[in-house]
Every structure is written in structure tokens, then in C-alpha cells.
Amino acid sequence: MSILFLLIFAVLFIILKLKSANIKGAVGEAKVNATLHALGANYILLHDVLIRNAKGTTSQIDQIVLSEYGIFVIETKHYKGWVFGDEKADNWMQVIFKEKHTFRNPVKQNWSHVYALKDALADFPQAIYYPIVVFAGDATLKGIESSVPVIYRHALNDTIRAAST
């Protein structure tokens, strides 16, 4: 009986470990969605948008904000610790105490979303796109080098409004 209990516990632990990134991501996206709703009626929010291109590959965009000023394509990250990155690097670094973890460069990731959206909206070549990377967790951004806004959630709406003028 105790071996069965340990086996069940091990399986549950593995499932939770595998799903924890998805859960954290969903929490971050929910926080950003709540923030974006405060923009008002002049902005339309779409979230969790999946685009399939002609080659059959897909692009999942966390949030898209539509306005008369342009299309804001938002990549949301929900991290803690210190985050270091450069828009030209393939990966960024998260540091939590002495642990270091790399993750895909969110600026490059978001540009791939912008290009996918441009392809999908090819009939509207005059559309203006604004990529934004927003951190919704407790991360501290350190030495981020990027021409694309890489911001905290509390600055998101002001960043969008500033680009909308």
C-alpha cells in the first residue's frame, strides 16, 4: 500500500512540476488582462490569440490591443528574481539567489508574433505595430538593453497611451 501511495505522489509531483510554468504564465496573463481593461472603450483587448501562417506553423500571442493608433502586440512574462537581457541575445537570464535559469528572449519572441500578425493582416499594410514585453511577476529588471519597451505591468497602460498620441 505504501508503494502505491509513493507512486501516486510521485506522479502528482511530476504533473504539477510540468504544469507549474503554464500556471504561472496564466496568472501573469490574467494580471495583464485586468490591467489592460482599464484602458477604456477606445481600446479593444484580445488575449491568447493563436495565428496559423501559410506554412502551417502557429504563433500564440498573449495580448493584442487594437486602437485607432495602432496594434499593440504584448508578450507577458511572469517571473521573479533578477532578469538580465539584451534584445539581440537568443536567451535571457533569470537569477534567483544563486540559481541561474535561461529563457527565450521575449523581445525576439514577440517580434515573431508581430511578423505572424502582419502576415495574417497583409490586407492592411498601413497598420502600425507596437511590440511590448511586460513583466507581471515580482521580477527586477536589471541591465535590459532593448529598443522595444520591456516594462513592468504597472507601466503598461501609460506606455500604450504614450504611443497613442
N, C-alpha and C. Protein backbone atom coordinates (compact mmCIF):
# COMPACT_ATOMS: atom_id res chain seq x y z
N MET A 1 0.83 -1.20 0.00
CA MET A 1 0.00 0.00 0.00
C MET A 1 0.87 1.26 0.00
N SER A 2 1.95 1.27 0.75
CA SER A 2 2.80 2.46 0.81
C SER A 2 3.51 2.70 -0.51
N ILE A 3 3.83 1.66 -1.26
CA ILE A 3 4.46 1.84 -2.57
C ILE A 3 3.47 2.48 -3.53
N LEU A 4 2.22 2.08 -3.47
CA LEU A 4 1.19 2.67 -4.31
C LEU A 4 1.04 4.16 -3.99
N PHE A 5 1.02 4.49 -2.70
CA PHE A 5 0.93 5.88 -2.26
C PHE A 5 2.11 6.68 -2.78
N LEU A 6 3.31 6.16 -2.68
CA LEU A 6 4.50 6.86 -3.17
C LEU A 6 4.46 7.04 -4.68
N LEU A 7 3.98 6.03 -5.37
CA LEU A 7 3.85 6.12 -6.83
C LEU A 7 2.86 7.21 -7.23
N ILE A 8 1.72 7.25 -6.56
CA ILE A 8 0.71 8.27 -6.84
C ILE A 8 1.28 9.66 -6.54
N PHE A 9 1.96 9.78 -5.40
CA PHE A 9 2.56 11.05 -5.01
C PHE A 9 3.60 11.48 -6.04
N ALA A 10 4.42 10.57 -6.51
CA ALA A 10 5.46 10.90 -7.49
C ALA A 10 4.84 11.37 -8.80
N VAL A 11 3.78 10.70 -9.25
CA VAL A 11 3.11 11.08 -10.49
C VAL A 11 2.49 12.48 -10.35
N LEU A 12 1.83 12.74 -9.23
CA LEU A 12 1.23 14.06 -9.00
C LEU A 12 2.31 15.15 -8.96
N PHE A 13 3.41 14.85 -8.31
CA PHE A 13 4.51 15.81 -8.23
C PHE A 13 5.04 16.15 -9.62
N ILE A 14 5.23 15.14 -10.43
CA ILE A 14 5.73 15.35 -11.80
C ILE A 14 4.74 16.17 -12.62
N ILE A 15 3.47 15.86 -12.51
CA ILE A 15 2.45 16.61 -13.26
C ILE A 15 2.44 18.07 -12.84
N LEU A 16 2.45 18.31 -11.53
CA LEU A 16 2.46 19.70 -11.04
C LEU A 16 3.71 20.44 -11.47
N LYS A 17 4.84 19.77 -11.44
CA LYS A 17 6.10 20.39 -11.86
C LYS A 17 6.04 20.77 -13.33
N LEU A 18 5.50 19.89 -14.16
CA LEU A 18 5.40 20.16 -15.59
C LEU A 18 4.41 21.27 -15.89
N LYS A 19 3.36 21.36 -15.11
CA LYS A 19 2.31 22.35 -15.36
C LYS A 19 2.56 23.69 -14.67
N SER A 20 3.55 23.78 -13.77
CA SER A 20 3.74 25.00 -12.99
C SER A 20 4.06 26.20 -13.87
N ALA A 21 4.82 26.02 -14.94
CA ALA A 21 5.12 27.13 -15.84
C ALA A 21 3.84 27.62 -16.52
N ASN A 22 2.97 26.69 -16.91
CA ASN A 22 1.70 27.07 -17.53
C ASN A 22 0.82 27.83 -16.55
N ILE A 23 0.81 27.39 -15.30
CA ILE A 23 0.00 28.05 -14.28
C ILE A 23 0.54 29.45 -14.02
N LYS A 24 1.85 29.58 -13.87
CA LYS A 24 2.46 30.90 -13.65
C LYS A 24 2.17 31.82 -14.83
N GLY A 25 2.29 31.31 -16.03
CA GLY A 25 2.01 32.11 -17.21
C GLY A 25 0.57 32.58 -17.25
N ALA A 26 -0.36 31.71 -16.90
CA ALA A 26 -1.78 32.07 -16.89
C ALA A 26 -2.06 33.14 -15.85
N VAL A 27 -1.41 33.05 -14.70
CA VAL A 27 -1.59 34.06 -13.65
C VAL A 27 -1.09 35.41 -14.15
N GLY A 28 0.09 35.43 -14.76
CA GLY A 28 0.64 36.68 -15.30
C GLY A 28 -0.25 37.27 -16.37
N GLU A 29 -0.74 36.44 -17.27
CA GLU A 29 -1.61 36.93 -18.33
C GLU A 29 -2.92 37.48 -17.77
N ALA A 30 -3.45 36.84 -16.73
CA ALA A 30 -4.69 37.34 -16.10
C ALA A 30 -4.45 38.71 -15.46
N LYS A 31 -3.30 38.89 -14.83
CA LYS A 31 -2.97 40.19 -14.23
C LYS A 31 -2.88 41.27 -15.31
N VAL A 32 -2.22 40.94 -16.42
CA VAL A 32 -2.07 41.91 -17.51
C VAL A 32 -3.43 42.20 -18.15
N ASN A 33 -4.26 41.19 -18.33
CA ASN A 33 -5.61 41.41 -18.88
C ASN A 33 -6.39 42.38 -18.01
N ALA A 34 -6.32 42.20 -16.69
CA ALA A 34 -7.03 43.09 -15.76
C ALA A 34 -6.51 44.52 -15.89
N THR A 35 -5.21 44.67 -16.03
CA THR A 35 -4.62 46.00 -16.20
C THR A 35 -5.11 46.63 -17.50
N LEU A 36 -5.11 45.87 -18.59
CA LEU A 36 -5.49 46.41 -19.89
C LEU A 36 -6.96 46.80 -19.97
N HIS A 37 -7.80 46.15 -19.20
CA HIS A 37 -9.23 46.51 -19.21
C HIS A 37 -9.45 47.94 -18.75
N ALA A 38 -8.52 48.48 -17.99
CA ALA A 38 -8.64 49.87 -17.50
C ALA A 38 -8.33 50.90 -18.59
N LEU A 39 -7.89 50.47 -19.77
CA LEU A 39 -7.61 51.42 -20.84
C LEU A 39 -8.85 52.15 -21.32
N GLY A 40 -9.98 51.50 -21.26
CA GLY A 40 -11.22 52.14 -21.67
C GLY A 40 -11.73 51.69 -23.02
N ALA A 41 -12.81 52.31 -23.44
CA ALA A 41 -13.56 51.88 -24.62
C ALA A 41 -12.84 52.16 -25.94
N ASN A 42 -11.83 53.02 -25.94
CA ASN A 42 -11.11 53.31 -27.19
C ASN A 42 -10.12 52.22 -27.56
N TYR A 43 -10.02 51.20 -26.73
CA TYR A 43 -9.07 50.12 -26.95
C TYR A 43 -9.82 48.79 -26.88
N ILE A 44 -9.49 47.89 -27.80
CA ILE A 44 -10.09 46.56 -27.82
C ILE A 44 -9.02 45.56 -27.44
N LEU A 45 -9.30 44.74 -26.44
CA LEU A 45 -8.35 43.75 -25.95
C LEU A 45 -8.69 42.37 -26.48
N LEU A 46 -7.70 41.72 -27.07
CA LEU A 46 -7.79 40.30 -27.45
C LEU A 46 -6.69 39.60 -26.68
N HIS A 47 -6.98 38.42 -26.16
CA HIS A 47 -5.94 37.70 -25.43
C HIS A 47 -5.92 36.23 -25.82
N ASP A 48 -4.72 35.68 -25.70
CA ASP A 48 -4.48 34.28 -26.03
C ASP A 48 -4.90 33.99 -27.48
N VAL A 49 -4.32 34.73 -28.40
CA VAL A 49 -4.67 34.64 -29.82
C VAL A 49 -3.70 33.68 -30.51
N LEU A 50 -4.24 32.71 -31.21
CA LEU A 50 -3.43 31.73 -31.93
C LEU A 50 -3.56 32.01 -33.42
N ILE A 51 -2.42 32.22 -34.07
CA ILE A 51 -2.38 32.51 -35.51
C ILE A 51 -1.63 31.39 -36.21
N ARG A 52 -2.21 30.89 -37.28
CA ARG A 52 -1.55 29.87 -38.10
C ARG A 52 -1.19 30.52 -39.43
N ASN A 53 0.08 30.40 -39.82
CA ASN A 53 0.51 31.02 -41.09
C ASN A 53 0.36 30.03 -42.24
N ALA A 54 0.72 30.48 -43.43
CA ALA A 54 0.56 29.65 -44.63
C ALA A 54 1.43 28.40 -44.59
N LYS A 55 2.54 28.44 -43.85
CA LYS A 55 3.42 27.28 -43.73
C LYS A 55 2.90 26.26 -42.72
N GLY A 56 1.85 26.61 -41.99
CA GLY A 56 1.27 25.70 -41.02
C GLY A 56 1.80 25.87 -39.61
N THR A 57 2.76 26.76 -39.41
CA THR A 57 3.25 26.99 -38.05
C THR A 57 2.33 27.96 -37.33
N THR A 58 2.37 27.92 -36.02
CA THR A 58 1.47 28.76 -35.24
C THR A 58 2.26 29.74 -34.38
N SER A 59 1.57 30.79 -33.99
CA SER A 59 2.13 31.79 -33.10
C SER A 59 1.04 32.12 -32.08
N GLN A 60 1.36 31.97 -30.80
CA GLN A 60 0.40 32.26 -29.74
C GLN A 60 0.77 33.61 -29.13
N ILE A 61 -0.13 34.57 -29.26
CA ILE A 61 0.10 35.93 -28.77
C ILE A 61 -0.67 36.12 -27.47
N ASP A 62 0.04 36.57 -26.44
CA ASP A 62 -0.59 36.72 -25.13
C ASP A 62 -1.71 37.76 -25.16
N GLN A 63 -1.39 38.97 -25.62
CA GLN A 63 -2.40 40.02 -25.70
C GLN A 63 -2.17 40.86 -26.95
N ILE A 64 -3.29 41.29 -27.53
CA ILE A 64 -3.27 42.25 -28.63
C ILE A 64 -4.24 43.35 -28.22
N VAL A 65 -3.78 44.58 -28.32
CA VAL A 65 -4.65 45.72 -28.05
C VAL A 65 -4.81 46.49 -29.36
N LEU A 66 -6.05 46.62 -29.79
CA LEU A 66 -6.38 47.33 -31.03
C LEU A 66 -6.87 48.72 -30.69
N SER A 67 -6.37 49.69 -31.42
CA SER A 67 -6.84 51.06 -31.23
C SER A 67 -6.71 51.79 -32.55
N GLU A 68 -7.24 52.99 -32.61
CA GLU A 68 -7.11 53.80 -33.82
C GLU A 68 -5.67 54.22 -34.05
N TYR A 69 -4.82 54.07 -33.02
CA TYR A 69 -3.41 54.49 -33.10
C TYR A 69 -2.49 53.38 -33.58
N GLY A 70 -2.94 52.13 -33.48
CA GLY A 70 -2.12 51.02 -33.91
C GLY A 70 -2.50 49.73 -33.21
N ILE A 71 -1.67 48.74 -33.44
CA ILE A 71 -1.88 47.40 -32.88
C ILE A 71 -0.73 47.14 -31.91
N PHE A 72 -1.06 46.92 -30.65
CA PHE A 72 -0.07 46.67 -29.61
C PHE A 72 -0.01 45.16 -29.39
N VAL A 73 1.16 44.60 -29.62
CA VAL A 73 1.37 43.15 -29.50
C VAL A 73 2.19 42.94 -28.23
N ILE A 74 1.58 42.25 -27.26
CA ILE A 74 2.16 42.17 -25.93
C ILE A 74 2.56 40.74 -25.58
N GLU A 75 3.81 40.60 -25.18
CA GLU A 75 4.34 39.34 -24.66
C GLU A 75 4.43 39.49 -23.14
N THR A 76 3.76 38.61 -22.43
CA THR A 76 3.71 38.67 -20.97
C THR A 76 4.61 37.62 -20.36
N LYS A 77 5.38 38.04 -19.38
CA LYS A 77 6.23 37.12 -18.61
C LYS A 77 5.90 37.28 -17.14
N HIS A 78 5.84 36.16 -16.44
CA HIS A 78 5.54 36.16 -15.01
C HIS A 78 6.70 35.49 -14.29
N TYR A 79 7.71 36.29 -13.97
CA TYR A 79 8.94 35.79 -13.37
C TYR A 79 9.19 36.48 -12.04
N LYS A 80 10.06 35.88 -11.26
CA LYS A 80 10.56 36.52 -10.05
C LYS A 80 12.08 36.53 -10.14
N GLY A 81 12.72 37.16 -9.19
CA GLY A 81 14.18 37.24 -9.20
C GLY A 81 14.66 38.37 -10.09
N TRP A 82 15.94 38.35 -10.38
CA TRP A 82 16.54 39.35 -11.27
C TRP A 82 16.51 38.81 -12.69
N VAL A 83 16.19 39.69 -13.64
CA VAL A 83 16.15 39.31 -15.05
C VAL A 83 17.12 40.21 -15.80
N PHE A 84 18.01 39.58 -16.56
CA PHE A 84 19.00 40.27 -17.37
C PHE A 84 18.76 39.91 -18.83
N GLY A 85 18.91 40.90 -19.74
CA GLY A 85 18.72 40.56 -21.14
C GLY A 85 19.10 41.66 -22.09
N ASP A 86 19.33 41.24 -23.32
CA ASP A 86 19.64 42.14 -24.42
C ASP A 86 18.79 41.70 -25.60
N GLU A 87 18.21 42.67 -26.31
CA GLU A 87 17.30 42.31 -27.40
C GLU A 87 17.96 41.49 -28.50
N LYS A 88 19.29 41.54 -28.60
CA LYS A 88 19.99 40.80 -29.66
C LYS A 88 20.38 39.38 -29.24
N ALA A 89 20.32 39.09 -27.96
CA ALA A 89 20.71 37.76 -27.46
C ALA A 89 19.61 36.74 -27.75
N ASP A 90 19.98 35.49 -27.87
CA ASP A 90 18.99 34.43 -28.08
C ASP A 90 18.24 34.12 -26.79
N ASN A 91 18.93 34.23 -25.67
CA ASN A 91 18.32 33.90 -24.37
C ASN A 91 18.57 35.00 -23.37
N TRP A 92 17.70 35.06 -22.39
CA TRP A 92 17.85 35.96 -21.25
C TRP A 92 18.10 35.13 -20.01
N MET A 93 18.47 35.79 -18.93
CA MET A 93 18.84 35.08 -17.70
C MET A 93 17.95 35.54 -16.55
N GLN A 94 17.46 34.56 -15.80
CA GLN A 94 16.75 34.80 -14.55
C GLN A 94 17.64 34.31 -13.42
N VAL A 95 17.86 35.15 -12.42
CA VAL A 95 18.70 34.78 -11.28
C VAL A 95 17.85 34.87 -10.01
N ILE A 96 17.76 33.75 -9.31
CA ILE A 96 17.08 33.69 -8.03
C ILE A 96 18.10 33.16 -7.03
N PHE A 97 18.58 34.06 -6.18
CA PHE A 97 19.68 33.76 -5.27
C PHE A 97 20.86 33.25 -6.09
N LYS A 98 21.30 32.03 -5.88
CA LYS A 98 22.45 31.53 -6.64
C LYS A 98 22.06 30.68 -7.85
N GLU A 99 20.75 30.52 -8.06
CA GLU A 99 20.28 29.74 -9.20
C GLU A 99 20.13 30.63 -10.42
N LYS A 100 20.62 30.14 -11.56
CA LYS A 100 20.50 30.86 -12.82
C LYS A 100 19.73 30.00 -13.81
N HIS A 101 18.78 30.63 -14.48
CA HIS A 101 17.97 29.93 -15.48
C HIS A 101 17.91 30.80 -16.72
N THR A 102 18.03 30.18 -17.88
CA THR A 102 17.89 30.93 -19.13
C THR A 102 16.49 30.69 -19.69
N PHE A 103 16.01 31.66 -20.43
CA PHE A 103 14.74 31.53 -21.12
C PHE A 103 14.82 32.29 -22.45
N ARG A 104 13.95 31.92 -23.35
CA ARG A 104 13.97 32.52 -24.69
C ARG A 104 13.79 34.03 -24.60
N ASN A 105 14.56 34.74 -25.37
CA ASN A 105 14.50 36.20 -25.42
C ASN A 105 13.06 36.63 -25.75
N PRO A 106 12.38 37.30 -24.81
CA PRO A 106 10.98 37.68 -25.08
C PRO A 106 10.83 38.76 -26.13
N VAL A 107 11.86 39.56 -26.37
CA VAL A 107 11.78 40.58 -27.43
C VAL A 107 11.75 39.88 -28.79
N LYS A 108 12.67 38.93 -28.99
CA LYS A 108 12.67 38.18 -30.26
C LYS A 108 11.39 37.36 -30.40
N GLN A 109 10.95 36.78 -29.30
CA GLN A 109 9.71 36.00 -29.30
C GLN A 109 8.55 36.89 -29.76
N ASN A 110 8.50 38.10 -29.23
CA ASN A 110 7.40 38.99 -29.57
C ASN A 110 7.50 39.49 -31.01
N TRP A 111 8.71 39.71 -31.50
CA TRP A 111 8.84 40.10 -32.92
C TRP A 111 8.30 39.01 -33.82
N SER A 112 8.50 37.74 -33.46
CA SER A 112 7.94 36.66 -34.28
C SER A 112 6.41 36.74 -34.28
N HIS A 113 5.83 37.16 -33.16
CA HIS A 113 4.37 37.35 -33.11
C HIS A 113 3.93 38.51 -34.00
N VAL A 114 4.69 39.60 -33.97
CA VAL A 114 4.37 40.76 -34.81
C VAL A 114 4.40 40.36 -36.28
N TYR A 115 5.44 39.64 -36.69
CA TYR A 115 5.55 39.23 -38.10
C TYR A 115 4.41 38.29 -38.48
N ALA A 116 4.03 37.39 -37.59
CA ALA A 116 2.91 36.48 -37.86
C ALA A 116 1.61 37.27 -38.02
N LEU A 117 1.43 38.26 -37.16
CA LEU A 117 0.22 39.09 -37.24
C LEU A 117 0.22 39.94 -38.51
N LYS A 118 1.38 40.47 -38.89
CA LYS A 118 1.48 41.24 -40.14
C LYS A 118 1.12 40.37 -41.33
N ASP A 119 1.58 39.12 -41.33
CA ASP A 119 1.24 38.20 -42.42
C ASP A 119 -0.27 37.95 -42.45
N ALA A 120 -0.86 37.75 -41.28
CA ALA A 120 -2.29 37.48 -41.20
C ALA A 120 -3.12 38.69 -41.62
N LEU A 121 -2.58 39.88 -41.39
CA LEU A 121 -3.29 41.12 -41.73
C LEU A 121 -2.66 41.81 -42.94
N ALA A 122 -2.18 41.03 -43.89
CA ALA A 122 -1.48 41.58 -45.06
C ALA A 122 -2.35 42.53 -45.87
N ASP A 123 -3.67 42.41 -45.77
CA ASP A 123 -4.57 43.30 -46.50
C ASP A 123 -4.60 44.71 -45.89
N PHE A 124 -3.92 44.89 -44.75
CA PHE A 124 -3.89 46.18 -44.06
C PHE A 124 -2.44 46.63 -43.86
N PRO A 125 -1.72 46.91 -44.96
CA PRO A 125 -0.30 47.23 -44.86
C PRO A 125 0.00 48.54 -44.13
N GLN A 126 -1.00 49.40 -44.00
CA GLN A 126 -0.79 50.67 -43.33
C GLN A 126 -0.85 50.55 -41.80
N ALA A 127 -1.20 49.40 -41.29
CA ALA A 127 -1.31 49.21 -39.83
C ALA A 127 0.05 49.43 -39.17
N ILE A 128 0.03 50.04 -38.01
CA ILE A 128 1.25 50.30 -37.23
C ILE A 128 1.25 49.33 -36.06
N TYR A 129 2.39 48.67 -35.86
CA TYR A 129 2.53 47.65 -34.80
C TYR A 129 3.47 48.15 -33.73
N TYR A 130 3.08 47.92 -32.49
CA TYR A 130 3.89 48.29 -31.33
C TYR A 130 4.14 47.05 -30.47
N PRO A 131 5.32 46.47 -30.55
CA PRO A 131 5.61 45.32 -29.67
C PRO A 131 5.96 45.83 -28.27
N ILE A 132 5.48 45.12 -27.26
CA ILE A 132 5.77 45.44 -25.86
C ILE A 132 5.98 44.12 -25.12
N VAL A 133 7.00 44.10 -24.25
CA VAL A 133 7.21 42.97 -23.35
C VAL A 133 6.91 43.47 -21.94
N VAL A 134 6.02 42.78 -21.26
CA VAL A 134 5.62 43.21 -19.92
C VAL A 134 5.88 42.09 -18.91
N PHE A 135 6.48 42.46 -17.80
CA PHE A 135 6.73 41.52 -16.71
C PHE A 135 5.67 41.74 -15.64
N ALA A 136 4.91 40.68 -15.35
CA ALA A 136 3.77 40.77 -14.45
C ALA A 136 4.07 40.21 -13.07
N GLY A 137 5.20 39.57 -12.89
CA GLY A 137 5.54 38.97 -11.59
C GLY A 137 6.36 39.92 -10.74
N ASP A 138 7.15 39.34 -9.86
CA ASP A 138 7.98 40.11 -8.93
C ASP A 138 9.41 40.27 -9.43
N ALA A 139 9.63 40.11 -10.71
CA ALA A 139 10.99 40.22 -11.26
C ALA A 139 11.51 41.65 -11.13
N THR A 140 12.81 41.73 -10.98
CA THR A 140 13.52 43.01 -11.03
C THR A 140 14.33 43.01 -12.32
N LEU A 141 14.02 43.95 -13.21
CA LEU A 141 14.71 44.02 -14.49
C LEU A 141 16.04 44.72 -14.28
N LYS A 142 17.13 44.05 -14.69
CA LYS A 142 18.49 44.54 -14.46
C LYS A 142 19.22 44.63 -15.80
N GLY A 143 19.66 45.81 -16.16
CA GLY A 143 20.50 45.96 -17.34
C GLY A 143 19.86 45.51 -18.63
N ILE A 144 18.56 45.69 -18.77
CA ILE A 144 17.87 45.30 -20.00
C ILE A 144 18.24 46.28 -21.11
N GLU A 145 18.70 45.75 -22.23
CA GLU A 145 19.04 46.56 -23.41
C GLU A 145 18.04 46.20 -24.51
N SER A 146 17.15 47.16 -24.83
CA SER A 146 16.14 46.88 -25.83
C SER A 146 15.54 48.17 -26.38
N SER A 147 15.34 48.19 -27.69
CA SER A 147 14.63 49.31 -28.29
C SER A 147 13.11 49.13 -28.16
N VAL A 148 12.69 47.89 -27.92
CA VAL A 148 11.29 47.57 -27.66
C VAL A 148 11.05 47.80 -26.16
N PRO A 149 9.91 48.40 -25.79
CA PRO A 149 9.66 48.57 -24.35
C PRO A 149 9.61 47.22 -23.63
N VAL A 150 10.43 47.11 -22.59
CA VAL A 150 10.42 45.97 -21.67
C VAL A 150 10.11 46.59 -20.32
N ILE A 151 8.90 46.36 -19.83
CA ILE A 151 8.38 47.14 -18.72
C ILE A 151 7.71 46.26 -17.67
N TYR A 152 7.42 46.90 -16.55
CA TYR A 152 6.61 46.26 -15.50
C TYR A 152 5.14 46.50 -15.82
N ARG A 153 4.31 45.64 -15.27
CA ARG A 153 2.87 45.71 -15.54
C ARG A 153 2.28 47.08 -15.18
N HIS A 154 2.73 47.67 -14.09
CA HIS A 154 2.14 48.95 -13.66
C HIS A 154 2.40 50.08 -14.66
N ALA A 155 3.36 49.92 -15.57
CA ALA A 155 3.66 50.95 -16.58
C ALA A 155 3.00 50.65 -17.92
N LEU A 156 2.28 49.56 -18.03
CA LEU A 156 1.77 49.12 -19.33
C LEU A 156 0.79 50.11 -19.96
N ASN A 157 -0.23 50.50 -19.23
CA ASN A 157 -1.23 51.38 -19.82
C ASN A 157 -0.64 52.75 -20.19
N ASP A 158 0.25 53.27 -19.36
CA ASP A 158 0.90 54.54 -19.69
C ASP A 158 1.75 54.41 -20.94
N THR A 159 2.42 53.26 -21.10
CA THR A 159 3.24 53.02 -22.30
C THR A 159 2.37 52.98 -23.54
N ILE A 160 1.22 52.34 -23.45
CA ILE A 160 0.29 52.27 -24.59
C ILE A 160 -0.28 53.66 -24.89
N ARG A 161 -0.69 54.37 -23.85
CA ARG A 161 -1.25 55.71 -24.07
C ARG A 161 -0.21 56.67 -24.66
N ALA A 162 1.03 56.55 -24.23
CA ALA A 162 2.11 57.42 -24.75
C ALA A 162 2.32 57.18 -26.25
N ALA A 163 2.23 55.92 -26.67
CA ALA A 163 2.40 55.59 -28.09
C ALA A 163 1.16 55.99 -28.89
N SER A 164 0.06 56.21 -28.18
CA SER A 164 -1.22 56.52 -28.83
C SER A 164 -1.43 58.01 -29.06
N THR A 165 -0.39 58.78 -28.86
CA THR A 165 -0.57 60.23 -29.04
C THR A 165 0.15 60.73 -30.27
